[in-house]
Amino acid sequence: MSFRKRNLGLSTGDRTSVPISPAQTQSAALPPPATPGVRPSPDDGRPTTSTGSPSLDNLLAGHGGLPLGKILLVEENGTTDFAGALLRYYAAEGVVQDQKIHVIGMPEQWGRSLPGLIGPADAADEKSDKRKSERMKIAWRYERLGEFGAGVAGSRVPATAPGDQSTSTTDGSSPKQAAFCHAFDLTKRLTHPSISNISYIPIMPSNEPVLISVQKRLQSAIAASPPNTVHRIVIPSLLNPTLYPAEVSQPENILPFLHSLRGLLSSPTARVTAMITLPLSLFPRSSGLVRWIEILSDGVIELCPFPHSSDALSTSGAATSHEEPPQGMLKTHKLPVLHERGGGSDQNIGQDWAFTLSRKRFEIKPFSLPPAEGDKEAQDKARSDGMPRKADLEF
């Protein structure tokens, strides 16, 4: 029986190590550059962009915004234009973030009416919270402790947020992180260098169907842009007879267009989101066509404005006297949730929400009626009618 040496190398070549330069080491340690206006979802990490309204971002299945590749359908009852204001917030946020905006069926005057920029939404919320805190009264025993934030408590530096991707500079100072969402003023007009990135696709009759020509222009515009460009598709008043010809409202025309739009958004190389508004006064939810449009959309919300005669009902929705009363109810029929991939939560579906559109924000908050005991006028009237008091009732 023979024995062999087993400690022989596999190869006799020269195993010299290649030196790594310090620049390569530093570049490997740095994360890839982030796209402006896009951050990972706190729920499942998918890239997400803002709708221009922080409260609407928080409503969308816990993603903190609208995930890329998703369609949000905003339905509205009545003759108001709250959904149009949401579209302007959505388009203005894309302009500020240097994204490409595609507006379908609207002239250039629509882009000139975008709301003016105030600043980051977080800074605007901090100012409003500071005003509220100044109106609050503190207990007498805490009056001598000084102003909040002074002394030892004020020297504490807040920890970095989990989603903060900012890195320290060479001098050790951390750079200012770009804002994810901004605040806008509807009474002002947006002036920004990137407002020229808005492209308008008109609804014009041609040799081919209208929606097919719109689809081809969208595909060519997205294919011709750089790969890292984020696109926003804005479709105001879908199927409105004043904008679209009558044949567009036929199912054999509008449904294939929405199928092709979903295919365009689901492309792995495209980074696109879309927001569509639909007037329910012309196309009610009971019709089969609207149901199919909702199925082809990833998120569906409905705006139900209060009538002018329900001032008492709208005032009762405010939690305090300092808050603005809601202007209508908001219903969530569908949220961008992918159960097969995980991520997203549909717990906000079916809840009672109210919306308020002010000069500077579109705010969504829970709607609740005040307790009946607070209505003193009704209680006095009940006593005068001979009704027993609550304290006199025995259970």
Protein backbone atom coordinates (compact mmCIF):
# COMPACT_ATOMS: atom_id res chain seq x y z
CA MET A 1 0.00 0.00 0.00
CA SER A 2 1.52 3.31 -1.11
CA PHE A 3 1.12 6.69 0.48
CA ARG A 4 1.17 10.08 -1.22
CA LYS A 5 1.71 13.51 0.06
CA ARG A 6 -1.55 15.37 0.26
CA ASN A 7 -0.16 18.83 1.04
CA LEU A 8 0.52 19.81 -2.56
CA GLY A 9 -1.08 23.03 -3.85
CA LEU A 10 -3.60 23.03 -6.62
CA SER A 11 -1.57 25.47 -8.70
CA THR A 12 2.02 26.65 -8.69
CA GLY A 13 1.30 30.14 -10.08
CA ASP A 14 2.36 33.33 -8.40
CA ARG A 15 -0.24 34.37 -5.80
CA THR A 16 0.61 38.01 -5.49
CA SER A 17 -2.14 40.18 -3.98
CA VAL A 18 -3.34 43.17 -5.95
CA PRO A 19 -3.07 46.36 -3.89
CA ILE A 20 -6.31 48.26 -3.32
CA SER A 21 -6.14 52.00 -3.50
CA PRO A 22 -7.71 54.11 -0.73
CA ALA A 23 -10.08 55.66 -3.27
CA GLN A 24 -11.48 52.22 -4.12
CA THR A 25 -11.93 51.42 -0.44
CA GLN A 26 -13.79 54.67 0.18
CA SER A 27 -16.03 54.21 -2.87
CA ALA A 28 -16.92 50.68 -1.78
CA ALA A 29 -17.92 51.92 1.66
CA LEU A 30 -20.22 54.66 0.38
CA PRO A 31 -23.82 53.70 -0.50
CA PRO A 32 -25.08 54.23 -4.05
CA PRO A 33 -26.41 57.72 -4.75
CA ALA A 34 -30.08 58.08 -3.92
CA THR A 35 -32.61 59.38 -6.43
CA PRO A 36 -34.17 62.70 -5.37
CA GLY A 37 -37.73 62.28 -4.22
CA VAL A 38 -37.48 58.49 -3.86
CA ARG A 39 -36.92 56.57 -0.64
CA PRO A 40 -37.50 52.96 0.43
CA SER A 41 -40.85 52.07 1.91
CA PRO A 42 -40.71 51.61 5.70
CA ASP A 43 -42.92 48.57 5.29
CA ASP A 44 -41.13 46.42 2.71
CA GLY A 45 -38.34 48.59 1.25
CA ARG A 46 -39.77 49.11 -2.24
CA PRO A 47 -38.93 52.51 -3.79
CA THR A 48 -41.60 55.06 -2.97
CA THR A 49 -42.27 58.65 -4.00
CA SER A 50 -44.46 61.29 -2.37
CA THR A 51 -47.88 62.39 -3.57
CA GLY A 52 -47.29 65.95 -2.39
CA SER A 53 -49.53 65.50 0.67
CA PRO A 54 -48.02 63.97 3.85
CA SER A 55 -51.39 62.77 5.18
CA LEU A 56 -52.18 61.01 1.89
CA ASP A 57 -48.71 59.42 1.93
CA ASN A 58 -49.40 57.99 5.38
CA LEU A 59 -52.73 56.58 4.23
CA LEU A 60 -51.30 54.45 1.40
CA ALA A 61 -50.92 51.03 3.05
CA GLY A 62 -48.11 52.11 5.35
CA HIS A 63 -45.62 52.74 2.54
CA GLY A 64 -45.25 56.41 3.42
CA GLY A 65 -45.97 57.38 -0.19
CA LEU A 66 -46.95 55.95 -3.57
CA PRO A 67 -44.73 53.01 -4.58
CA LEU A 68 -43.17 53.18 -8.02
CA GLY A 69 -45.14 51.30 -10.65
CA LYS A 70 -48.54 51.94 -9.00
CA ILE A 71 -51.70 53.75 -10.11
CA LEU A 72 -53.76 55.82 -7.68
CA LEU A 73 -57.37 56.50 -8.70
CA VAL A 74 -59.10 59.46 -7.02
CA GLU A 75 -62.89 59.49 -7.40
CA GLU A 76 -64.99 62.52 -6.51
CA ASN A 77 -68.70 63.13 -6.09
CA GLY A 78 -70.40 66.38 -6.98
CA THR A 79 -69.16 69.37 -8.90
CA THR A 80 -66.23 70.33 -6.66
CA ASP A 81 -62.58 70.00 -7.68
CA PHE A 82 -60.80 68.68 -4.59
CA ALA A 83 -59.35 65.85 -6.69
CA GLY A 84 -57.91 68.44 -9.08
CA ALA A 85 -56.12 70.09 -6.17
CA LEU A 86 -54.62 66.71 -5.24
CA LEU A 87 -53.37 66.33 -8.82
CA ARG A 88 -51.69 69.75 -8.64
CA TYR A 89 -49.96 68.80 -5.40
CA TYR A 90 -48.83 65.57 -7.04
CA ALA A 91 -47.48 67.33 -10.14
CA ALA A 92 -45.85 70.16 -8.15
CA GLU A 93 -44.01 67.63 -5.97
CA GLY A 94 -42.62 65.98 -9.09
CA VAL A 95 -41.46 69.31 -10.48
CA VAL A 96 -39.64 70.20 -7.25
CA GLN A 97 -37.97 66.76 -7.21
CA ASP A 98 -36.73 67.20 -10.83
CA GLN A 99 -38.93 64.40 -12.11
CA LYS A 100 -40.58 64.15 -15.51
CA ILE A 101 -44.29 65.02 -15.58
CA HIS A 102 -46.69 63.85 -18.31
CA VAL A 103 -50.10 65.57 -18.33
CA ILE A 104 -52.77 63.98 -20.52
CA GLY A 105 -55.64 65.99 -21.96
CA MET A 106 -54.80 69.37 -20.43
CA PRO A 107 -53.22 72.48 -22.03
CA GLU A 108 -50.14 74.29 -20.78
CA GLN A 109 -52.27 76.62 -18.67
CA TRP A 110 -52.84 73.70 -16.30
CA GLY A 111 -49.13 73.52 -15.51
CA ARG A 112 -48.94 77.26 -14.94
CA SER A 113 -51.50 76.96 -12.15
CA LEU A 114 -49.44 74.62 -9.97
CA PRO A 115 -49.26 75.77 -6.32
CA GLY A 116 -46.25 77.72 -5.14
CA LEU A 117 -43.52 76.13 -3.05
CA ILE A 118 -43.37 76.98 0.67
CA GLY A 119 -40.65 74.58 1.80
CA PRO A 120 -40.23 71.06 3.20
CA ALA A 121 -43.40 69.63 4.68
CA ASP A 122 -41.61 68.69 7.92
CA ALA A 123 -40.61 72.30 8.53
CA ALA A 124 -44.18 73.48 7.91
CA ASP A 125 -45.51 70.89 10.37
CA GLU A 126 -42.98 71.96 13.00
CA LYS A 127 -44.11 75.58 12.70
CA SER A 128 -47.77 74.63 13.09
CA ASP A 129 -46.97 72.40 16.08
CA LYS A 130 -45.00 75.23 17.67
CA ARG A 131 -47.97 77.57 17.33
CA LYS A 132 -50.21 74.98 18.95
CA SER A 133 -47.78 74.44 21.82
CA GLU A 134 -47.62 78.17 22.48
CA ARG A 135 -51.38 78.21 22.98
CA MET A 136 -51.29 75.34 25.43
CA LYS A 137 -51.15 76.00 29.16
CA ILE A 138 -48.76 74.08 31.40
CA ALA A 139 -49.17 73.23 35.07
CA TRP A 140 -48.03 75.82 37.61
CA ARG A 141 -45.35 73.57 39.05
CA TYR A 142 -43.56 73.42 35.67
CA GLU A 143 -43.56 77.16 35.03
CA ARG A 144 -40.15 77.70 36.67
CA LEU A 145 -38.41 74.93 34.73
CA GLY A 146 -37.76 77.28 31.82
CA GLU A 147 -38.56 76.95 28.17
CA PHE A 148 -38.80 73.51 26.63
CA GLY A 149 -35.57 72.54 24.91
CA ALA A 150 -33.26 74.61 27.13
CA GLY A 151 -30.59 73.33 29.49
CA VAL A 152 -29.61 69.67 29.59
CA ALA A 153 -32.67 68.48 27.71
CA GLY A 154 -31.92 70.86 24.86
CA SER A 155 -28.37 69.57 24.49
CA ARG A 156 -29.53 66.12 23.54
CA VAL A 157 -29.02 65.41 19.86
CA PRO A 158 -31.75 63.30 18.26
CA ALA A 159 -30.70 59.98 16.85
CA THR A 160 -30.54 59.40 13.13
CA ALA A 161 -33.74 58.14 11.60
CA PRO A 162 -33.71 54.55 10.25
CA GLY A 163 -34.36 55.72 6.70
CA ASP A 164 -31.75 58.48 6.76
CA GLN A 165 -29.29 57.89 3.94
CA SER A 166 -27.20 61.00 4.52
CA THR A 167 -23.46 60.44 5.00
CA SER A 168 -20.94 62.56 6.83
CA THR A 169 -18.73 64.89 4.85
CA THR A 170 -14.95 65.21 5.00
CA ASP A 171 -15.05 67.84 7.76
CA GLY A 172 -17.23 65.62 9.94
CA SER A 173 -20.46 67.58 9.52
CA SER A 174 -23.55 65.83 8.23
CA PRO A 175 -25.06 67.35 5.05
CA LYS A 176 -28.66 68.45 4.89
CA GLN A 177 -30.88 65.63 3.67
CA ALA A 178 -33.14 66.34 0.73
CA ALA A 179 -36.82 66.64 1.61
CA PHE A 180 -39.11 63.79 0.59
CA CYS A 181 -42.31 65.86 0.62
CA HIS A 182 -42.89 69.61 0.35
CA ALA A 183 -45.59 72.07 1.36
CA PHE A 184 -47.33 74.20 -1.26
CA ASP A 185 -49.56 77.27 -1.31
CA LEU A 186 -52.57 77.16 -3.62
CA THR A 187 -52.82 80.95 -3.74
CA LYS A 188 -49.35 81.25 -5.30
CA ARG A 189 -47.87 79.95 -8.54
CA LEU A 190 -44.91 77.60 -8.80
CA THR A 191 -41.73 79.02 -10.33
CA HIS A 192 -39.07 76.35 -10.69
CA PRO A 193 -36.44 75.58 -13.35
CA SER A 194 -37.74 72.02 -13.73
CA ILE A 195 -41.22 73.19 -14.65
CA SER A 196 -40.09 72.89 -18.27
CA ASN A 197 -39.95 69.10 -17.73
CA ILE A 198 -43.74 68.94 -17.95
CA SER A 199 -44.92 67.44 -21.22
CA TYR A 200 -48.51 67.79 -22.40
CA ILE A 201 -50.17 65.07 -24.43
CA PRO A 202 -53.32 66.45 -26.06
CA ILE A 203 -56.45 64.50 -26.88
CA MET A 204 -56.66 65.08 -30.61
CA PRO A 205 -58.44 63.02 -33.30
CA SER A 206 -56.11 61.29 -35.73
CA ASN A 207 -55.96 58.30 -38.05
CA GLU A 208 -55.64 55.92 -35.10
CA PRO A 209 -57.69 55.82 -31.90
CA VAL A 210 -57.02 58.60 -29.42
CA LEU A 211 -55.88 56.45 -26.52
CA ILE A 212 -53.53 54.40 -28.71
CA SER A 213 -51.72 57.57 -29.80
CA VAL A 214 -51.49 58.68 -26.16
CA GLN A 215 -50.05 55.32 -25.21
CA LYS A 216 -47.41 55.48 -27.95
CA ARG A 217 -46.35 58.99 -26.94
CA LEU A 218 -45.99 57.90 -23.32
CA GLN A 219 -43.88 54.88 -24.26
CA SER A 220 -41.60 56.88 -26.53
CA ALA A 221 -41.13 59.66 -23.94
CA ILE A 222 -40.24 57.20 -21.17
CA ALA A 223 -37.94 55.16 -23.43
CA ALA A 224 -36.06 58.27 -24.57
CA SER A 225 -35.36 59.50 -21.02
CA PRO A 226 -32.31 58.45 -18.93
CA PRO A 227 -32.74 55.18 -17.02
CA ASN A 228 -32.76 56.76 -13.55
CA THR A 229 -35.47 59.30 -14.38
CA VAL A 230 -38.67 59.13 -12.32
CA HIS A 231 -41.87 59.81 -14.29
CA ARG A 232 -45.29 60.93 -13.11
CA ILE A 233 -48.36 60.47 -15.28
CA VAL A 234 -51.21 62.86 -14.52
CA ILE A 235 -54.67 62.11 -16.00
CA PRO A 236 -57.27 64.68 -14.86
CA SER A 237 -61.00 63.97 -15.25
CA LEU A 238 -60.79 60.65 -17.04
CA LEU A 239 -63.67 60.07 -19.51
CA ASN A 240 -64.95 63.64 -19.06
CA PRO A 241 -67.01 64.45 -22.20
CA THR A 242 -65.53 67.95 -22.35
CA LEU A 243 -62.03 66.46 -22.77
CA TYR A 244 -62.50 63.05 -24.37
CA PRO A 245 -64.56 62.01 -27.40
CA ALA A 246 -67.59 59.83 -26.82
CA GLU A 247 -65.99 56.62 -28.11
CA VAL A 248 -63.32 56.72 -25.40
CA SER A 249 -65.87 55.83 -22.72
CA GLN A 250 -66.56 52.51 -24.41
CA PRO A 251 -65.05 49.53 -22.55
CA GLU A 252 -63.25 48.25 -25.65
CA ASN A 253 -61.27 51.50 -25.76
CA ILE A 254 -60.58 52.59 -22.18
CA LEU A 255 -59.87 49.18 -20.64
CA PRO A 256 -57.08 48.21 -23.10
CA PHE A 257 -55.51 51.61 -22.47
CA LEU A 258 -55.45 50.98 -18.71
CA HIS A 259 -54.03 47.49 -19.34
CA SER A 260 -51.22 49.00 -21.41
CA LEU A 261 -50.65 51.65 -18.72
CA ARG A 262 -50.24 48.94 -16.09
CA GLY A 263 -47.82 47.13 -18.36
CA LEU A 264 -45.82 50.31 -18.81
CA LEU A 265 -45.64 50.94 -15.06
CA SER A 266 -44.73 47.32 -14.24
CA SER A 267 -41.72 47.35 -16.58
CA PRO A 268 -38.52 46.62 -14.60
CA THR A 269 -36.62 49.42 -16.36
CA ALA A 270 -39.30 52.11 -15.88
CA ARG A 271 -39.74 54.17 -12.73
CA VAL A 272 -43.24 55.52 -13.18
CA THR A 273 -46.25 56.39 -11.02
CA ALA A 274 -49.67 57.59 -12.15
CA MET A 275 -52.58 59.45 -10.56
CA ILE A 276 -56.02 59.53 -12.21
CA THR A 277 -59.17 61.42 -11.26
CA LEU A 278 -62.66 60.25 -12.20
CA PRO A 279 -65.93 62.23 -11.84
CA LEU A 280 -68.49 59.94 -10.19
CA SER A 281 -71.31 62.35 -11.02
CA LEU A 282 -70.92 61.30 -14.67
CA PHE A 283 -69.78 57.71 -14.14
CA PRO A 284 -71.14 56.23 -10.88
CA ARG A 285 -69.48 53.36 -9.05
CA SER A 286 -72.49 51.14 -9.69
CA SER A 287 -71.57 50.86 -13.38
CA GLY A 288 -69.47 47.95 -14.53
CA LEU A 289 -67.02 50.19 -16.38
CA VAL A 290 -66.01 52.03 -13.22
CA ARG A 291 -65.65 48.74 -11.37
CA TRP A 292 -63.21 47.51 -14.01
CA ILE A 293 -61.27 50.76 -13.78
CA GLU A 294 -61.00 50.26 -10.03
CA ILE A 295 -59.77 46.71 -10.53
CA LEU A 296 -57.04 47.92 -12.88
CA SER A 297 -55.92 50.54 -10.35
CA ASP A 298 -53.67 49.80 -7.38
CA GLY A 299 -55.25 52.33 -5.03
CA VAL A 300 -58.77 53.77 -5.05
CA ILE A 301 -59.98 56.59 -2.80
CA GLU A 302 -63.28 58.46 -2.98
CA LEU A 303 -63.87 62.09 -2.00
CA CYS A 304 -67.38 62.89 -0.78
CA PRO A 305 -67.63 66.65 -0.12
CA PHE A 306 -70.20 67.90 2.35
CA PRO A 307 -73.12 69.86 0.90
CA HIS A 308 -73.41 73.52 1.77
CA SER A 309 -76.38 72.85 4.03
CA SER A 310 -74.42 70.57 6.38
CA ASP A 311 -72.35 73.22 8.10
CA ALA A 312 -73.15 71.82 11.52
CA LEU A 313 -71.99 68.36 10.50
CA SER A 314 -68.71 69.65 9.07
CA THR A 315 -68.00 71.78 12.14
CA SER A 316 -68.58 68.84 14.44
CA GLY A 317 -65.74 66.90 12.84
CA ALA A 318 -63.10 69.22 14.26
CA ALA A 319 -61.49 67.88 17.42
CA THR A 320 -60.76 71.34 18.83
CA SER A 321 -61.85 74.89 18.12
CA HIS A 322 -58.43 75.69 16.65
CA GLU A 323 -58.67 73.00 13.96
CA GLU A 324 -60.26 73.66 10.62
CA PRO A 325 -63.54 71.80 10.08
CA PRO A 326 -63.44 69.03 7.46
CA GLN A 327 -64.87 69.68 4.05
CA GLY A 328 -65.90 66.13 3.24
CA MET A 329 -65.51 62.42 3.86
CA LEU A 330 -62.78 60.28 2.34
CA LYS A 331 -63.39 56.61 1.65
CA THR A 332 -60.60 54.12 0.97
CA HIS A 333 -61.81 51.34 -1.33
CA LYS A 334 -58.42 49.93 -2.29
CA LEU A 335 -54.79 50.43 -1.28
CA PRO A 336 -51.53 49.43 -3.05
CA VAL A 337 -51.06 46.14 -1.21
CA LEU A 338 -49.38 43.08 -2.74
CA HIS A 339 -50.22 40.11 -0.57
CA GLU A 340 -48.25 37.59 -2.62
CA ARG A 341 -45.05 39.64 -2.19
CA GLY A 342 -45.75 40.76 1.33
CA GLY A 343 -45.80 44.33 2.47
CA GLY A 344 -48.52 46.87 2.84
CA SER A 345 -51.50 46.90 5.12
CA ASP A 346 -55.16 47.37 4.31
CA GLN A 347 -56.21 48.34 7.83
CA ASN A 348 -57.23 51.83 6.66
CA ILE A 349 -59.89 50.41 4.34
CA GLY A 350 -63.38 51.00 5.70
CA GLN A 351 -62.33 53.56 8.30
CA ASP A 352 -64.09 56.91 8.68
CA TRP A 353 -61.76 59.58 7.30
CA ALA A 354 -62.35 63.28 6.70
CA PHE A 355 -60.33 65.61 4.50
CA THR A 356 -59.60 69.32 4.73
CA LEU A 357 -58.20 71.38 1.87
CA SER A 358 -56.67 74.61 3.09
CA ARG A 359 -54.45 77.12 1.41
CA LYS A 360 -51.27 75.24 2.33
CA ARG A 361 -52.18 71.57 2.70
CA PHE A 362 -54.52 68.70 2.02
CA GLU A 363 -55.00 66.96 5.34
CA ILE A 364 -56.66 63.63 6.07
CA LYS A 365 -57.69 62.82 9.64
CA PRO A 366 -60.12 60.46 11.37
CA PHE A 367 -63.71 61.66 11.47
CA SER A 368 -65.70 61.39 14.67
CA LEU A 369 -68.85 63.04 15.91
CA PRO A 370 -68.80 64.82 19.29
CA PRO A 371 -70.53 63.14 22.25
CA ALA A 372 -74.21 63.84 22.61
CA GLU A 373 -73.71 65.17 26.12
CA GLY A 374 -71.89 68.21 24.75
CA ASP A 375 -75.03 69.42 22.96
CA LYS A 376 -76.48 71.58 25.74
CA GLU A 377 -79.11 73.14 23.54
CA ALA A 378 -80.55 69.77 22.64
CA GLN A 379 -80.46 68.66 26.28
CA ASP A 380 -82.34 71.76 27.44
CA LYS A 381 -84.92 71.23 24.75
CA ALA A 382 -85.34 67.62 25.80
CA ARG A 383 -85.94 68.67 29.42
CA SER A 384 -88.56 71.19 28.35
CA ASP A 385 -90.38 68.48 26.43
CA GLY A 386 -90.66 66.38 29.59
CA MET A 387 -87.90 63.91 28.80
CA PRO A 388 -86.14 62.50 31.89
CA ARG A 389 -82.53 63.35 32.59
CA LYS A 390 -79.78 60.77 32.27
CA ALA A 391 -79.10 60.91 36.02
CA ASP A 392 -82.75 60.04 36.77
CA LEU A 393 -82.66 56.88 34.70
CA GLU A 394 -82.07 53.65 36.57
CA PHE A 395 -80.58 50.61 34.88
